[in-house]
Amino acid sequence: MTTKLTLTVEETVIKKAKLYAKKTGRSLSELIENYLDTLTSDNEGSAELSPKVKKIAGVVKLPESFDEKEELNAYFEHKHL
């Protein structure tokens, strides 16, 4: 069930939030709902995905043999050589 909520927020914050929402293709209500849900989540310290990550999940398909730690180590070795 969706319920209307009235908030009092600084005008500059609202303007920045609306711009951010537009840039990310989401509504201001969605951003606030996701934030409040994350803030009040009972899963403190869990590895649950953030709303941003959930939104892009599945965009990149990696092979099953992909080893994140190995790739990260290779990246840093190349970067610092």
N, C-alpha and C. Protein backbone atom coordinates (compact mmCIF):
# COMPACT_ATOMS: atom_id res chain seq x y z
N MET A 1 0.84 -1.17 0.00
CA MET A 1 0.00 0.00 0.00
C MET A 1 0.89 1.24 0.00
N THR A 2 0.57 2.17 -0.85
CA THR A 2 1.32 3.42 -0.93
C THR A 2 0.57 4.50 -0.15
N THR A 3 1.33 5.29 0.63
CA THR A 3 0.75 6.34 1.45
C THR A 3 1.48 7.64 1.15
N LYS A 4 0.74 8.72 1.08
CA LYS A 4 1.33 10.03 0.84
C LYS A 4 2.04 10.51 2.09
N LEU A 5 3.21 11.16 1.91
CA LEU A 5 4.01 11.66 3.01
C LEU A 5 4.41 13.10 2.71
N THR A 6 4.27 13.97 3.66
CA THR A 6 4.67 15.36 3.51
C THR A 6 5.94 15.58 4.31
N LEU A 7 6.95 16.15 3.65
CA LEU A 7 8.24 16.41 4.30
C LEU A 7 8.57 17.89 4.20
N THR A 8 9.33 18.37 5.14
CA THR A 8 9.86 19.73 5.09
C THR A 8 11.36 19.60 4.89
N VAL A 9 11.83 20.08 3.73
CA VAL A 9 13.24 19.94 3.34
C VAL A 9 13.71 21.25 2.74
N GLU A 10 14.96 21.58 2.98
CA GLU A 10 15.54 22.79 2.40
C GLU A 10 15.36 22.79 0.88
N GLU A 11 15.02 23.95 0.32
CA GLU A 11 14.76 24.08 -1.11
C GLU A 11 15.96 23.66 -1.96
N THR A 12 17.16 24.01 -1.52
CA THR A 12 18.36 23.65 -2.30
C THR A 12 18.56 22.14 -2.32
N VAL A 13 18.24 21.48 -1.23
CA VAL A 13 18.37 20.03 -1.17
C VAL A 13 17.37 19.38 -2.12
N ILE A 14 16.15 19.92 -2.15
CA ILE A 14 15.12 19.38 -3.04
C ILE A 14 15.54 19.54 -4.50
N LYS A 15 16.08 20.71 -4.84
CA LYS A 15 16.51 20.94 -6.23
C LYS A 15 17.61 19.95 -6.63
N LYS A 16 18.59 19.77 -5.75
CA LYS A 16 19.67 18.83 -6.05
C LYS A 16 19.15 17.40 -6.15
N ALA A 17 18.23 17.05 -5.26
CA ALA A 17 17.67 15.69 -5.27
C ALA A 17 16.86 15.44 -6.54
N LYS A 18 16.10 16.43 -6.98
CA LYS A 18 15.32 16.28 -8.21
C LYS A 18 16.23 16.12 -9.42
N LEU A 19 17.32 16.89 -9.47
CA LEU A 19 18.29 16.74 -10.56
C LEU A 19 18.91 15.35 -10.55
N TYR A 20 19.29 14.90 -9.36
CA TYR A 20 19.88 13.56 -9.23
C TYR A 20 18.89 12.49 -9.69
N ALA A 21 17.65 12.61 -9.26
CA ALA A 21 16.62 11.64 -9.65
C ALA A 21 16.45 11.62 -11.16
N LYS A 22 16.42 12.79 -11.77
CA LYS A 22 16.26 12.87 -13.23
C LYS A 22 17.45 12.23 -13.95
N LYS A 23 18.67 12.53 -13.47
CA LYS A 23 19.88 11.97 -14.09
C LYS A 23 19.91 10.45 -14.00
N THR A 24 19.37 9.91 -12.92
CA THR A 24 19.42 8.46 -12.71
C THR A 24 18.16 7.75 -13.19
N GLY A 25 17.22 8.52 -13.75
CA GLY A 25 16.02 7.92 -14.31
C GLY A 25 15.05 7.38 -13.26
N ARG A 26 15.05 7.99 -12.11
CA ARG A 26 14.14 7.57 -11.04
C ARG A 26 13.34 8.76 -10.53
N SER A 27 12.31 8.46 -9.79
CA SER A 27 11.52 9.54 -9.20
C SER A 27 12.09 9.89 -7.83
N LEU A 28 11.79 11.08 -7.39
CA LEU A 28 12.22 11.50 -6.06
C LEU A 28 11.59 10.61 -4.99
N SER A 29 10.34 10.24 -5.20
CA SER A 29 9.67 9.34 -4.26
C SER A 29 10.40 8.00 -4.17
N GLU A 30 10.84 7.48 -5.32
CA GLU A 30 11.57 6.20 -5.33
C GLU A 30 12.88 6.32 -4.57
N LEU A 31 13.59 7.42 -4.77
CA LEU A 31 14.86 7.62 -4.06
C LEU A 31 14.64 7.65 -2.55
N ILE A 32 13.65 8.40 -2.12
CA ILE A 32 13.38 8.53 -0.69
C ILE A 32 12.90 7.20 -0.11
N GLU A 33 12.03 6.52 -0.85
CA GLU A 33 11.55 5.22 -0.36
C GLU A 33 12.69 4.23 -0.21
N ASN A 34 13.58 4.17 -1.21
CA ASN A 34 14.73 3.26 -1.14
C ASN A 34 15.65 3.62 0.02
N TYR A 35 15.86 4.92 0.23
CA TYR A 35 16.72 5.36 1.32
C TYR A 35 16.12 4.96 2.67
N LEU A 36 14.84 5.24 2.85
CA LEU A 36 14.19 4.90 4.13
C LEU A 36 14.16 3.39 4.35
N ASP A 37 13.96 2.64 3.28
CA ASP A 37 13.96 1.18 3.40
C ASP A 37 15.34 0.68 3.81
N THR A 38 16.38 1.22 3.21
CA THR A 38 17.74 0.84 3.55
C THR A 38 18.07 1.25 4.98
N LEU A 39 17.68 2.44 5.34
CA LEU A 39 17.97 2.98 6.67
C LEU A 39 17.32 2.15 7.77
N THR A 40 16.13 1.66 7.53
CA THR A 40 15.38 0.94 8.56
C THR A 40 15.45 -0.58 8.40
N SER A 41 16.29 -1.04 7.52
CA SER A 41 16.41 -2.48 7.27
C SER A 41 16.92 -3.20 8.51
N ASP A 42 16.38 -4.38 8.76
CA ASP A 42 16.80 -5.20 9.89
C ASP A 42 18.08 -5.97 9.59
N ASN A 43 18.57 -5.89 8.38
CA ASN A 43 19.73 -6.68 7.94
C ASN A 43 21.03 -5.91 8.12
N GLU A 44 21.24 -5.33 9.26
CA GLU A 44 22.47 -4.57 9.48
C GLU A 44 23.69 -5.46 9.28
N GLY A 45 24.62 -4.97 8.47
CA GLY A 45 25.85 -5.70 8.24
C GLY A 45 25.73 -6.83 7.23
N SER A 46 24.56 -7.01 6.66
CA SER A 46 24.41 -8.09 5.68
C SER A 46 24.92 -7.64 4.32
N ALA A 47 25.04 -8.57 3.44
CA ALA A 47 25.58 -8.29 2.10
C ALA A 47 24.46 -8.01 1.10
N GLU A 48 23.33 -7.49 1.55
CA GLU A 48 22.22 -7.19 0.65
C GLU A 48 22.64 -6.10 -0.33
N LEU A 49 22.16 -6.20 -1.55
CA LEU A 49 22.52 -5.24 -2.58
C LEU A 49 21.80 -3.92 -2.36
N SER A 50 22.50 -2.84 -2.65
CA SER A 50 21.90 -1.52 -2.54
C SER A 50 20.94 -1.31 -3.72
N PRO A 51 20.03 -0.35 -3.62
CA PRO A 51 19.10 -0.10 -4.73
C PRO A 51 19.81 0.22 -6.04
N LYS A 52 20.94 0.94 -5.95
CA LYS A 52 21.69 1.26 -7.18
C LYS A 52 22.20 0.00 -7.84
N VAL A 53 22.75 -0.90 -7.04
CA VAL A 53 23.30 -2.14 -7.58
C VAL A 53 22.17 -3.02 -8.12
N LYS A 54 21.05 -3.07 -7.41
CA LYS A 54 19.91 -3.85 -7.88
C LYS A 54 19.44 -3.35 -9.24
N LYS A 55 19.49 -2.04 -9.44
CA LYS A 55 19.01 -1.46 -10.69
C LYS A 55 19.88 -1.87 -11.88
N ILE A 56 21.19 -2.04 -11.65
CA ILE A 56 22.07 -2.40 -12.76
C ILE A 56 22.41 -3.88 -12.80
N ALA A 57 21.91 -4.63 -11.82
CA ALA A 57 22.20 -6.07 -11.78
C ALA A 57 21.72 -6.74 -13.05
N GLY A 58 22.55 -7.59 -13.60
CA GLY A 58 22.20 -8.32 -14.80
C GLY A 58 22.60 -7.63 -16.09
N VAL A 59 23.13 -6.41 -16.00
CA VAL A 59 23.52 -5.67 -17.19
C VAL A 59 24.75 -6.32 -17.84
N VAL A 60 25.68 -6.77 -17.02
CA VAL A 60 26.91 -7.39 -17.51
C VAL A 60 26.84 -8.89 -17.24
N LYS A 61 27.11 -9.67 -18.27
CA LYS A 61 27.12 -11.12 -18.10
C LYS A 61 28.59 -11.57 -18.06
N LEU A 62 28.99 -12.15 -16.93
CA LEU A 62 30.36 -12.63 -16.76
C LEU A 62 30.38 -14.15 -16.89
N PRO A 63 31.49 -14.69 -17.39
CA PRO A 63 31.58 -16.15 -17.47
C PRO A 63 31.60 -16.76 -16.07
N GLU A 64 31.14 -18.00 -15.97
CA GLU A 64 31.09 -18.66 -14.66
C GLU A 64 32.48 -18.80 -14.05
N SER A 65 33.50 -18.82 -14.89
CA SER A 65 34.87 -18.99 -14.40
C SER A 65 35.49 -17.67 -13.93
N PHE A 66 34.74 -16.57 -13.99
CA PHE A 66 35.25 -15.26 -13.60
C PHE A 66 35.61 -15.25 -12.12
N ASP A 67 36.84 -14.85 -11.82
CA ASP A 67 37.32 -14.78 -10.45
C ASP A 67 37.59 -13.32 -10.12
N GLU A 68 36.71 -12.73 -9.34
CA GLU A 68 36.80 -11.30 -9.04
C GLU A 68 38.12 -10.94 -8.35
N LYS A 69 38.54 -11.74 -7.38
CA LYS A 69 39.79 -11.45 -6.66
C LYS A 69 40.98 -11.52 -7.59
N GLU A 70 41.00 -12.51 -8.46
CA GLU A 70 42.11 -12.66 -9.41
C GLU A 70 42.16 -11.46 -10.36
N GLU A 71 41.02 -11.04 -10.86
CA GLU A 71 40.97 -9.89 -11.76
C GLU A 71 41.39 -8.61 -11.06
N LEU A 72 40.95 -8.45 -9.83
CA LEU A 72 41.32 -7.26 -9.07
C LEU A 72 42.82 -7.22 -8.81
N ASN A 73 43.40 -8.35 -8.43
CA ASN A 73 44.85 -8.43 -8.22
C ASN A 73 45.60 -8.12 -9.50
N ALA A 74 45.14 -8.66 -10.62
CA ALA A 74 45.79 -8.40 -11.91
C ALA A 74 45.72 -6.92 -12.25
N TYR A 75 44.58 -6.30 -11.99
CA TYR A 75 44.42 -4.88 -12.26
C TYR A 75 45.42 -4.05 -11.46
N PHE A 76 45.51 -4.33 -10.15
CA PHE A 76 46.43 -3.56 -9.30
C PHE A 76 47.89 -3.83 -9.65
N GLU A 77 48.23 -5.04 -10.00
CA GLU A 77 49.60 -5.34 -10.42
C GLU A 77 49.96 -4.53 -11.66
N HIS A 78 49.05 -4.50 -12.63
CA HIS A 78 49.29 -3.76 -13.87
C HIS A 78 49.37 -2.25 -13.58
N LYS A 79 48.49 -1.77 -12.72
CA LYS A 79 48.43 -0.35 -12.40
C LYS A 79 49.70 0.14 -11.72
N HIS A 80 50.27 -0.69 -10.86
CA HIS A 80 51.41 -0.24 -10.05
C HIS A 80 52.76 -0.72 -10.56
N LEU A 81 52.79 -1.25 -11.75
CA LEU A 81 54.09 -1.66 -12.31
C LEU A 81 54.70 -0.59 -13.14
